[in-house]
Amino acid sequence: MPLYEYRCKKCSNIFETLRGYHENDADIVCPKCGDKSVERLISVFRSLKGDSSTSNVSSCGPGKFT
């Protein structure tokens, strides 16, 4: 099940939720203010190949992935 990131158009809260591929975004509610006017964001991720010491990009997590 994919993890999607959303932003509330009313309060600008950014939150994540697990959604099935077949589920519609229409029923998503902001957990902070309860508003239904949310937009799905394009999530960015990075994968490391090999030793992270060769990478010029920093990460917010551990330096190496197994």
PDB file of N, CA and C in Angstrom:
ATOM      1  N   MET A   1       0.852  -1.164   0.000  1.00  0.00           N
ATOM      2  CA  MET A   1       0.000   0.000   0.000  1.00  0.00           C
ATOM      3  C   MET A   1       0.906   1.238   0.000  1.00  0.00           C
ATOM      4  N   PRO A   2       0.726   2.152  -0.939  1.00  0.00           N
ATOM      5  CA  PRO A   2       1.601   3.320  -1.029  1.00  0.00           C
ATOM      6  C   PRO A   2       1.301   4.379   0.030  1.00  0.00           C
ATOM      7  N   LEU A   3       2.313   5.110   0.382  1.00  0.00           N
ATOM      8  CA  LEU A   3       2.219   6.221   1.320  1.00  0.00           C
ATOM      9  C   LEU A   3       2.171   7.508   0.504  1.00  0.00           C
ATOM     10  N   TYR A   4       1.103   8.280   0.664  1.00  0.00           N
ATOM     11  CA  TYR A   4       0.940   9.529  -0.070  1.00  0.00           C
ATOM     12  C   TYR A   4       1.076  10.712   0.872  1.00  0.00           C
ATOM     13  N   GLU A   5       1.593  11.815   0.342  1.00  0.00           N
ATOM     14  CA  GLU A   5       1.755  13.036   1.114  1.00  0.00           C
ATOM     15  C   GLU A   5       0.743  14.069   0.619  1.00  0.00           C
ATOM     16  N   TYR A   6       0.113  14.762   1.552  1.00  0.00           N
ATOM     17  CA  TYR A   6      -0.922  15.746   1.220  1.00  0.00           C
ATOM     18  C   TYR A   6      -0.635  17.071   1.919  1.00  0.00           C
ATOM     19  N   ARG A   7      -1.162  18.152   1.358  1.00  0.00           N
ATOM     20  CA  ARG A   7      -1.115  19.471   1.980  1.00  0.00           C
ATOM     21  C   ARG A   7      -2.527  20.013   2.057  1.00  0.00           C
ATOM     22  N   CYS A   8      -2.881  20.512   3.240  1.00  0.00           N
ATOM     23  CA  CYS A   8      -4.190  21.121   3.434  1.00  0.00           C
ATOM     24  C   CYS A   8      -4.168  22.527   2.835  1.00  0.00           C
ATOM     25  N   LYS A   9      -5.146  22.840   2.004  1.00  0.00           N
ATOM     26  CA  LYS A   9      -5.219  24.157   1.376  1.00  0.00           C
ATOM     27  C   LYS A   9      -5.668  25.228   2.361  1.00  0.00           C
ATOM     28  N   LYS A  10      -6.290  24.822   3.465  1.00  0.00           N
ATOM     29  CA  LYS A  10      -6.787  25.784   4.443  1.00  0.00           C
ATOM     30  C   LYS A  10      -5.707  26.181   5.454  1.00  0.00           C
ATOM     31  N   CYS A  11      -5.054  25.201   6.077  1.00  0.00           N
ATOM     32  CA  CYS A  11      -4.089  25.502   7.146  1.00  0.00           C
ATOM     33  C   CYS A  11      -2.633  25.209   6.759  1.00  0.00           C
ATOM     34  N   SER A  12      -2.397  24.692   5.546  1.00  0.00           N
ATOM     35  CA  SER A  12      -1.051  24.377   5.016  1.00  0.00           C
ATOM     36  C   SER A  12      -0.363  23.223   5.737  1.00  0.00           C
ATOM     37  N   ASN A  13      -1.100  22.466   6.525  1.00  0.00           N
ATOM     38  CA  ASN A  13      -0.536  21.298   7.192  1.00  0.00           C
ATOM     39  C   ASN A  13      -0.155  20.250   6.152  1.00  0.00           C
ATOM     40  N   ILE A  14       1.033  19.670   6.302  1.00  0.00           N
ATOM     41  CA  ILE A  14       1.476  18.586   5.414  1.00  0.00           C
ATOM     42  C   ILE A  14       1.432  17.303   6.226  1.00  0.00           C
ATOM     43  N   PHE A  15       0.788  16.273   5.660  1.00  0.00           N
ATOM     44  CA  PHE A  15       0.635  15.003   6.364  1.00  0.00           C
ATOM     45  C   PHE A  15       0.699  13.864   5.368  1.00  0.00           C
ATOM     46  N   GLU A  16       0.921  12.658   5.896  1.00  0.00           N
ATOM     47  CA  GLU A  16       1.011  11.449   5.077  1.00  0.00           C
ATOM     48  C   GLU A  16      -0.104  10.487   5.455  1.00  0.00           C
ATOM     49  N   THR A  17      -0.501   9.681   4.488  1.00  0.00           N
ATOM     50  CA  THR A  17      -1.484   8.639   4.767  1.00  0.00           C
ATOM     51  C   THR A  17      -1.275   7.469   3.805  1.00  0.00           C
ATOM     52  N   LEU A  18      -1.549   6.277   4.292  1.00  0.00           N
ATOM     53  CA  LEU A  18      -1.478   5.084   3.444  1.00  0.00           C
ATOM     54  C   LEU A  18      -2.772   4.976   2.661  1.00  0.00           C
ATOM     55  N   ARG A  19      -2.669   4.793   1.369  1.00  0.00           N
ATOM     56  CA  ARG A  19      -3.842   4.691   0.503  1.00  0.00           C
ATOM     57  C   ARG A  19      -3.624   3.565  -0.500  1.00  0.00           C
ATOM     58  N   GLY A  20      -4.664   2.815  -0.771  1.00  0.00           N
ATOM     59  CA  GLY A  20      -4.593   1.822  -1.823  1.00  0.00           C
ATOM     60  C   GLY A  20      -4.609   2.510  -3.184  1.00  0.00           C
ATOM     61  N   TYR A  21      -4.094   1.856  -4.188  1.00  0.00           N
ATOM     62  CA  TYR A  21      -4.061   2.441  -5.539  1.00  0.00           C
ATOM     63  C   TYR A  21      -5.467   2.781  -6.045  1.00  0.00           C
ATOM     64  N   HIS A  22      -6.430   2.002  -5.640  1.00  0.00           N
ATOM     65  CA  HIS A  22      -7.801   2.169  -6.128  1.00  0.00           C
ATOM     66  C   HIS A  22      -8.602   3.204  -5.339  1.00  0.00           C
ATOM     67  N   GLU A  23      -8.075   3.682  -4.198  1.00  0.00           N
ATOM     68  CA  GLU A  23      -8.815   4.612  -3.349  1.00  0.00           C
ATOM     69  C   GLU A  23      -8.782   6.031  -3.906  1.00  0.00           C
ATOM     70  N   ASN A  24      -9.903   6.712  -3.780  1.00  0.00           N
ATOM     71  CA  ASN A  24     -10.041   8.079  -4.267  1.00  0.00           C
ATOM     72  C   ASN A  24      -9.556   9.063  -3.205  1.00  0.00           C
ATOM     73  N   ASP A  25      -8.968  10.199  -3.637  1.00  0.00           N
ATOM     74  CA  ASP A  25      -8.491  11.219  -2.708  1.00  0.00           C
ATOM     75  C   ASP A  25      -9.620  12.074  -2.143  1.00  0.00           C
ATOM     76  N   ALA A  26     -10.835  11.926  -2.632  1.00  0.00           N
ATOM     77  CA  ALA A  26     -11.946  12.800  -2.252  1.00  0.00           C
ATOM     78  C   ALA A  26     -12.283  12.730  -0.760  1.00  0.00           C
ATOM     79  N   ASP A  27     -12.016  11.605  -0.114  1.00  0.00           N
ATOM     80  CA  ASP A  27     -12.390  11.468   1.290  1.00  0.00           C
ATOM     81  C   ASP A  27     -11.254  11.758   2.273  1.00  0.00           C
ATOM     82  N   ILE A  28     -10.167  12.356   1.810  1.00  0.00           N
ATOM     83  CA  ILE A  28      -9.046  12.700   2.681  1.00  0.00           C
ATOM     84  C   ILE A  28      -9.397  13.957   3.483  1.00  0.00           C
ATOM     85  N   VAL A  29      -9.147  13.915   4.781  1.00  0.00           N
ATOM     86  CA  VAL A  29      -9.441  15.038   5.677  1.00  0.00           C
ATOM     87  C   VAL A  29      -8.154  15.425   6.400  1.00  0.00           C
ATOM     88  N   CYS A  30      -7.889  16.715   6.518  1.00  0.00           N
ATOM     89  CA  CYS A  30      -6.712  17.197   7.233  1.00  0.00           C
ATOM     90  C   CYS A  30      -6.828  16.808   8.712  1.00  0.00           C
ATOM     91  N   PRO A  31      -5.811  16.116   9.254  1.00  0.00           N
ATOM     92  CA  PRO A  31      -5.881  15.714  10.661  1.00  0.00           C
ATOM     93  C   PRO A  31      -5.739  16.891  11.624  1.00  0.00           C
ATOM     94  N   LYS A  32      -5.256  18.025  11.152  1.00  0.00           N
ATOM     95  CA  LYS A  32      -5.061  19.190  12.026  1.00  0.00           C
ATOM     96  C   LYS A  32      -6.323  20.040  12.153  1.00  0.00           C
ATOM     97  N   CYS A  33      -6.949  20.382  11.006  1.00  0.00           N
ATOM     98  CA  CYS A  33      -8.101  21.291  11.059  1.00  0.00           C
ATOM     99  C   CYS A  33      -9.415  20.638  10.630  1.00  0.00           C
ATOM    100  N   GLY A  34      -9.347  19.422  10.059  1.00  0.00           N
ATOM    101  CA  GLY A  34     -10.554  18.720   9.657  1.00  0.00           C
ATOM    102  C   GLY A  34     -11.122  19.131   8.307  1.00  0.00           C
ATOM    103  N   ASP A  35     -10.425  20.001   7.579  1.00  0.00           N
ATOM    104  CA  ASP A  35     -10.911  20.462   6.282  1.00  0.00           C
ATOM    105  C   ASP A  35     -10.671  19.395   5.213  1.00  0.00           C
ATOM    106  N   LYS A  36     -11.548  19.358   4.218  1.00  0.00           N
ATOM    107  CA  LYS A  36     -11.436  18.374   3.136  1.00  0.00           C
ATOM    108  C   LYS A  36     -10.737  18.921   1.898  1.00  0.00           C
ATOM    109  N   SER A  37     -10.327  20.188   1.913  1.00  0.00           N
ATOM    110  CA  SER A  37      -9.658  20.756   0.735  1.00  0.00           C
ATOM    111  C   SER A  37      -8.154  20.487   0.829  1.00  0.00           C
ATOM    112  N   VAL A  38      -7.763  19.292   0.398  1.00  0.00           N
ATOM    113  CA  VAL A  38      -6.367  18.883   0.435  1.00  0.00           C
ATOM    114  C   VAL A  38      -5.885  18.580  -0.976  1.00  0.00           C
ATOM    115  N   GLU A  39      -4.578  18.672  -1.169  1.00  0.00           N
ATOM    116  CA  GLU A  39      -3.985  18.323  -2.464  1.00  0.00           C
ATOM    117  C   GLU A  39      -2.865  17.320  -2.250  1.00  0.00           C
ATOM    118  N   ARG A  40      -2.772  16.372  -3.162  1.00  0.00           N
ATOM    119  CA  ARG A  40      -1.709  15.378  -3.068  1.00  0.00           C
ATOM    120  C   ARG A  40      -0.427  16.005  -3.587  1.00  0.00           C
ATOM    121  N   LEU A  41       0.662  15.797  -2.850  1.00  0.00           N
ATOM    122  CA  LEU A  41       1.959  16.325  -3.241  1.00  0.00           C
ATOM    123  C   LEU A  41       2.757  15.257  -3.960  1.00  0.00           C
ATOM    124  N   ILE A  42       3.710  15.688  -4.732  1.00  0.00           N
ATOM    125  CA  ILE A  42       4.629  14.755  -5.372  1.00  0.00           C
ATOM    126  C   ILE A  42       5.770  14.529  -4.395  1.00  0.00           C
ATOM    127  N   SER A  43       5.859  13.328  -3.883  1.00  0.00           N
ATOM    128  CA  SER A  43       6.890  13.006  -2.904  1.00  0.00           C
ATOM    129  C   SER A  43       8.202  12.729  -3.623  1.00  0.00           C
ATOM    130  N   VAL A  44       9.282  13.170  -3.002  1.00  0.00           N
ATOM    131  CA  VAL A  44      10.614  12.973  -3.561  1.00  0.00           C
ATOM    132  C   VAL A  44      11.349  12.004  -2.662  1.00  0.00           C
ATOM    133  N   PHE A  45      12.060  11.071  -3.264  1.00  0.00           N
ATOM    134  CA  PHE A  45      12.847  10.144  -2.486  1.00  0.00           C
ATOM    135  C   PHE A  45      14.182   9.954  -3.177  1.00  0.00           C
ATOM    136  N   ARG A  46      15.109   9.404  -2.460  1.00  0.00           N
ATOM    137  CA  ARG A  46      16.438   9.175  -2.999  1.00  0.00           C
ATOM    138  C   ARG A  46      16.860   7.772  -2.610  1.00  0.00           C
ATOM    139  N   SER A  47      17.469   7.092  -3.532  1.00  0.00           N
ATOM    140  CA  SER A  47      18.018   5.781  -3.211  1.00  0.00           C
ATOM    141  C   SER A  47      19.529   5.843  -3.356  1.00  0.00           C
ATOM    142  N   LEU A  48      20.205   5.123  -2.497  1.00  0.00           N
ATOM    143  CA  LEU A  48      21.661   5.090  -2.527  1.00  0.00           C
ATOM    144  C   LEU A  48      22.112   3.775  -3.126  1.00  0.00           C
ATOM    145  N   LYS A  49      23.154   3.867  -3.927  1.00  0.00           N
ATOM    146  CA  LYS A  49      23.728   2.659  -4.504  1.00  0.00           C
ATOM    147  C   LYS A  49      25.177   2.612  -4.055  1.00  0.00           C
ATOM    148  N   GLY A  50      25.510   1.606  -3.319  1.00  0.00           N
ATOM    149  CA  GLY A  50      26.879   1.483  -2.835  1.00  0.00           C
ATOM    150  C   GLY A  50      27.115   2.299  -1.585  1.00  0.00           C
ATOM    151  N   ASP A  51      28.359   2.700  -1.383  1.00  0.00           N
ATOM    152  CA  ASP A  51      28.766   3.436  -0.190  1.00  0.00           C
ATOM    153  C   ASP A  51      28.299   4.878  -0.278  1.00  0.00           C
ATOM    154  N   SER A  52      27.624   5.374   0.759  1.00  0.00           N
ATOM    155  CA  SER A  52      27.084   6.730   0.743  1.00  0.00           C
ATOM    156  C   SER A  52      28.174   7.786   0.821  1.00  0.00           C
ATOM    157  N   SER A  53      29.417   7.394   1.179  1.00  0.00           N
ATOM    158  CA  SER A  53      30.490   8.378   1.258  1.00  0.00           C
ATOM    159  C   SER A  53      30.863   8.904  -0.123  1.00  0.00           C
ATOM    160  N   THR A  54      30.439   8.220  -1.180  1.00  0.00           N
ATOM    161  CA  THR A  54      30.721   8.688  -2.539  1.00  0.00           C
ATOM    162  C   THR A  54      29.637   9.628  -3.043  1.00  0.00           C
ATOM    163  N   SER A  55      28.574   9.795  -2.277  1.00  0.00           N
ATOM    164  CA  SER A  55      27.451  10.639  -2.686  1.00  0.00           C
ATOM    165  C   SER A  55      27.683  12.078  -2.259  1.00  0.00           C
ATOM    166  N   ASN A  56      27.336  13.038  -3.123  1.00  0.00           N
ATOM    167  CA  ASN A  56      27.447  14.453  -2.807  1.00  0.00           C
ATOM    168  C   ASN A  56      26.170  14.993  -2.175  1.00  0.00           C
ATOM    169  N   VAL A  57      25.153  14.171  -2.061  1.00  0.00           N
ATOM    170  CA  VAL A  57      23.867  14.593  -1.532  1.00  0.00           C
ATOM    171  C   VAL A  57      23.730  14.069  -0.110  1.00  0.00           C
ATOM    172  N   SER A  58      23.345  14.931   0.811  1.00  0.00           N
ATOM    173  CA  SER A  58      23.176  14.498   2.191  1.00  0.00           C
ATOM    174  C   SER A  58      21.784  13.913   2.381  1.00  0.00           C
ATOM    175  N   SER A  59      21.645  13.099   3.400  1.00  0.00           N
ATOM    176  CA  SER A  59      20.346  12.524   3.712  1.00  0.00           C
ATOM    177  C   SER A  59      20.003  12.854   5.152  1.00  0.00           C
ATOM    178  N   CYS A  60      18.748  12.698   5.510  1.00  0.00           N
ATOM    179  CA  CYS A  60      18.324  12.984   6.878  1.00  0.00           C
ATOM    180  C   CYS A  60      18.385  11.742   7.746  1.00  0.00           C
ATOM    181  N   GLY A  61      18.756  10.625   7.160  1.00  0.00           N
ATOM    182  CA  GLY A  61      18.798   9.380   7.918  1.00  0.00           C
ATOM    183  C   GLY A  61      20.209   8.842   8.007  1.00  0.00           C
ATOM    184  N   PRO A  62      20.338   7.576   8.331  1.00  0.00           N
ATOM    185  CA  PRO A  62      21.656   6.951   8.428  1.00  0.00           C
ATOM    186  C   PRO A  62      22.392   7.028   7.103  1.00  0.00           C
ATOM    187  N   GLY A  63      23.688   7.023   7.155  1.00  0.00           N
ATOM    188  CA  GLY A  63      24.504   7.177   5.953  1.00  0.00           C
ATOM    189  C   GLY A  63      24.482   5.982   5.024  1.00  0.00           C
ATOM    190  N   LYS A  64      24.227   4.796   5.547  1.00  0.00           N
ATOM    191  CA  LYS A  64      24.268   3.595   4.713  1.00  0.00           C
ATOM    192  C   LYS A  64      22.953   2.828   4.831  1.00  0.00           C
ATOM    193  N   PHE A  65      22.541   2.249   3.744  1.00  0.00           N
ATOM    194  CA  PHE A  65      21.332   1.431   3.707  1.00  0.00           C
ATOM    195  C   PHE A  65      21.731   0.018   3.363  1.00  0.00           C
ATOM    196  N   THR A  66      21.036  -0.941   3.920  1.00  0.00           N
ATOM    197  CA  THR A  66      21.370  -2.330   3.631  1.00  0.00           C
ATOM    198  C   THR A  66      20.305  -2.934   2.761  1.00  0.00           C
TER     199      THR A  66
END
